[in-house]
Amino acid sequence: MNRRNTPSLPSLRKRIDRLDREMLRLLNRRAGLVVQVGRLKRNGNLPVFDPRRERRILRQLVRANRGPLSRASVERLFREIIRHSRLLEAAATAHLTRRR
């Protein structure tokens, strides 16, 4: 911090780097759960894509957002996370199908 109690650029970057690693850890935890969901869907003959659930998730996240990210940014970020989650689910489903 400088003399006006404003964090320095290196200090802020270090905090951002820590948050990036934490977000990566959480995304990987989420991905592990997604793989489990994919297996359950496969066993239950359920489709990977559930558009109603995805819309509900996005609505809840947009409502929970307190900024400074815009609504559009939150939607785009989580649409991408959900898209990659669907890919993981599909891969888990395909893997189980090939093993049978």
C-alpha atoms as a PDB file:
ATOM      1  CA  MET A   1       0.000   0.000   0.000  1.00  0.00           C
ATOM      2  CA  ASN A   2       1.135   3.508  -0.650  1.00  0.00           C
ATOM      3  CA  ARG A   3       0.915   6.365   1.794  1.00  0.00           C
ATOM      4  CA  ARG A   4      -2.769   7.023   0.972  1.00  0.00           C
ATOM      5  CA  ASN A   5      -3.742   3.459   1.952  1.00  0.00           C
ATOM      6  CA  THR A   6      -4.348   2.574  -1.682  1.00  0.00           C
ATOM      7  CA  PRO A   7      -3.192  -0.926  -2.625  1.00  0.00           C
ATOM      8  CA  SER A   8      -0.279  -1.071  -5.036  1.00  0.00           C
ATOM      9  CA  LEU A   9      -0.553  -2.615  -8.482  1.00  0.00           C
ATOM     10  CA  PRO A  10       1.582  -5.660  -7.509  1.00  0.00           C
ATOM     11  CA  SER A  11      -0.518  -6.144  -4.379  1.00  0.00           C
ATOM     12  CA  LEU A  12      -3.775  -6.074  -6.350  1.00  0.00           C
ATOM     13  CA  ARG A  13      -2.372  -8.428  -8.980  1.00  0.00           C
ATOM     14  CA  LYS A  14      -1.291 -10.874  -6.296  1.00  0.00           C
ATOM     15  CA  ARG A  15      -4.810 -10.864  -4.867  1.00  0.00           C
ATOM     16  CA  ILE A  16      -6.287 -11.409  -8.339  1.00  0.00           C
ATOM     17  CA  ASP A  17      -3.891 -14.311  -8.920  1.00  0.00           C
ATOM     18  CA  ARG A  18      -5.026 -15.940  -5.668  1.00  0.00           C
ATOM     19  CA  LEU A  19      -8.663 -15.510  -6.659  1.00  0.00           C
ATOM     20  CA  ASP A  20      -7.951 -16.997 -10.096  1.00  0.00           C
ATOM     21  CA  ARG A  21      -6.468 -20.105  -8.468  1.00  0.00           C
ATOM     22  CA  GLU A  22      -9.441 -20.335  -6.114  1.00  0.00           C
ATOM     23  CA  MET A  23     -11.889 -20.027  -9.022  1.00  0.00           C
ATOM     24  CA  LEU A  24      -9.998 -22.762 -10.876  1.00  0.00           C
ATOM     25  CA  ARG A  25     -10.196 -25.017  -7.818  1.00  0.00           C
ATOM     26  CA  LEU A  26     -13.949 -24.397  -7.525  1.00  0.00           C
ATOM     27  CA  LEU A  27     -14.534 -24.931 -11.248  1.00  0.00           C
ATOM     28  CA  ASN A  28     -12.731 -28.265 -11.051  1.00  0.00           C
ATOM     29  CA  ARG A  29     -14.824 -29.272  -8.028  1.00  0.00           C
ATOM     30  CA  ARG A  30     -17.916 -28.330 -10.021  1.00  0.00           C
ATOM     31  CA  ALA A  31     -16.641 -30.346 -12.988  1.00  0.00           C
ATOM     32  CA  GLY A  32     -16.234 -33.411 -10.787  1.00  0.00           C
ATOM     33  CA  LEU A  33     -19.866 -33.130  -9.733  1.00  0.00           C
ATOM     34  CA  VAL A  34     -20.901 -32.656 -13.355  1.00  0.00           C
ATOM     35  CA  VAL A  35     -19.210 -35.936 -14.290  1.00  0.00           C
ATOM     36  CA  GLN A  36     -21.211 -37.663 -11.540  1.00  0.00           C
ATOM     37  CA  VAL A  37     -24.413 -36.064 -12.839  1.00  0.00           C
ATOM     38  CA  GLY A  38     -23.559 -37.325 -16.333  1.00  0.00           C
ATOM     39  CA  ARG A  39     -23.242 -40.867 -15.025  1.00  0.00           C
ATOM     40  CA  LEU A  40     -26.558 -40.625 -13.192  1.00  0.00           C
ATOM     41  CA  LYS A  41     -28.248 -39.235 -16.294  1.00  0.00           C
ATOM     42  CA  ARG A  42     -26.842 -42.082 -18.357  1.00  0.00           C
ATOM     43  CA  ASN A  43     -28.058 -44.681 -15.874  1.00  0.00           C
ATOM     44  CA  GLY A  44     -31.482 -43.010 -15.821  1.00  0.00           C
ATOM     45  CA  ASN A  45     -31.628 -42.576 -19.615  1.00  0.00           C
ATOM     46  CA  LEU A  46     -31.931 -38.809 -19.149  1.00  0.00           C
ATOM     47  CA  PRO A  47     -30.752 -36.254 -21.703  1.00  0.00           C
ATOM     48  CA  VAL A  48     -27.585 -34.259 -21.064  1.00  0.00           C
ATOM     49  CA  PHE A  49     -29.255 -31.012 -22.133  1.00  0.00           C
ATOM     50  CA  ASP A  50     -31.929 -29.661 -19.783  1.00  0.00           C
ATOM     51  CA  PRO A  51     -32.830 -26.199 -21.108  1.00  0.00           C
ATOM     52  CA  ARG A  52     -35.303 -25.418 -18.305  1.00  0.00           C
ATOM     53  CA  ARG A  53     -32.688 -26.096 -15.641  1.00  0.00           C
ATOM     54  CA  GLU A  54     -30.112 -24.002 -17.487  1.00  0.00           C
ATOM     55  CA  ARG A  55     -32.523 -21.068 -17.771  1.00  0.00           C
ATOM     56  CA  ARG A  56     -33.350 -21.379 -14.064  1.00  0.00           C
ATOM     57  CA  ILE A  57     -29.648 -21.421 -13.126  1.00  0.00           C
ATOM     58  CA  LEU A  58     -28.955 -18.314 -15.208  1.00  0.00           C
ATOM     59  CA  ARG A  59     -31.956 -16.463 -13.740  1.00  0.00           C
ATOM     60  CA  GLN A  60     -30.846 -17.269 -10.196  1.00  0.00           C
ATOM     61  CA  LEU A  61     -27.267 -16.165 -10.859  1.00  0.00           C
ATOM     62  CA  VAL A  62     -28.325 -12.913 -12.510  1.00  0.00           C
ATOM     63  CA  ARG A  63     -30.592 -12.188  -9.533  1.00  0.00           C
ATOM     64  CA  ALA A  64     -27.776 -12.949  -7.082  1.00  0.00           C
ATOM     65  CA  ASN A  65     -25.307 -10.695  -8.900  1.00  0.00           C
ATOM     66  CA  ARG A  66     -24.499  -7.508  -6.987  1.00  0.00           C
ATOM     67  CA  GLY A  67     -21.923  -6.211  -9.470  1.00  0.00           C
ATOM     68  CA  PRO A  68     -19.712  -4.805 -10.675  1.00  0.00           C
ATOM     69  CA  LEU A  69     -20.232  -7.469 -13.372  1.00  0.00           C
ATOM     70  CA  SER A  70     -23.143  -6.639 -15.655  1.00  0.00           C
ATOM     71  CA  ARG A  71     -26.082  -8.957 -16.136  1.00  0.00           C
ATOM     72  CA  ALA A  72     -24.842  -9.713 -19.662  1.00  0.00           C
ATOM     73  CA  SER A  73     -21.364 -10.573 -18.371  1.00  0.00           C
ATOM     74  CA  VAL A  74     -22.740 -12.947 -15.736  1.00  0.00           C
ATOM     75  CA  GLU A  75     -24.926 -14.645 -18.348  1.00  0.00           C
ATOM     76  CA  ARG A  76     -22.050 -15.015 -20.826  1.00  0.00           C
ATOM     77  CA  LEU A  77     -19.632 -16.361 -18.215  1.00  0.00           C
ATOM     78  CA  PHE A  78     -22.064 -18.908 -16.855  1.00  0.00           C
ATOM     79  CA  ARG A  79     -23.368 -19.924 -20.284  1.00  0.00           C
ATOM     80  CA  GLU A  80     -19.777 -20.848 -21.109  1.00  0.00           C
ATOM     81  CA  ILE A  81     -19.335 -22.742 -17.828  1.00  0.00           C
ATOM     82  CA  ILE A  82     -22.601 -24.596 -18.468  1.00  0.00           C
ATOM     83  CA  ARG A  83     -21.594 -25.358 -22.070  1.00  0.00           C
ATOM     84  CA  HIS A  84     -18.367 -26.959 -20.888  1.00  0.00           C
ATOM     85  CA  SER A  85     -20.291 -28.807 -18.194  1.00  0.00           C
ATOM     86  CA  ARG A  86     -22.548 -30.300 -20.861  1.00  0.00           C
ATOM     87  CA  LEU A  87     -19.461 -31.448 -22.756  1.00  0.00           C
ATOM     88  CA  LEU A  88     -18.178 -33.179 -19.613  1.00  0.00           C
ATOM     89  CA  GLU A  89     -21.560 -34.802 -19.010  1.00  0.00           C
ATOM     90  CA  ALA A  90     -21.715 -36.010 -22.590  1.00  0.00           C
ATOM     91  CA  ALA A  91     -18.189 -37.420 -22.334  1.00  0.00           C
ATOM     92  CA  ALA A  92     -19.089 -39.236 -19.112  1.00  0.00           C
ATOM     93  CA  THR A  93     -22.195 -40.621 -20.788  1.00  0.00           C
ATOM     94  CA  ALA A  94     -20.280 -41.699 -23.902  1.00  0.00           C
ATOM     95  CA  HIS A  95     -17.574 -43.316 -21.778  1.00  0.00           C
ATOM     96  CA  LEU A  96     -20.177 -45.378 -19.922  1.00  0.00           C
ATOM     97  CA  THR A  97     -21.907 -46.329 -23.160  1.00  0.00           C
ATOM     98  CA  ARG A  98     -18.644 -47.597 -24.682  1.00  0.00           C
ATOM     99  CA  ARG A  99     -17.912 -49.710 -21.573  1.00  0.00           C
ATOM    100  CA  ARG A 100     -21.232 -51.597 -21.740  1.00  0.00           C
END
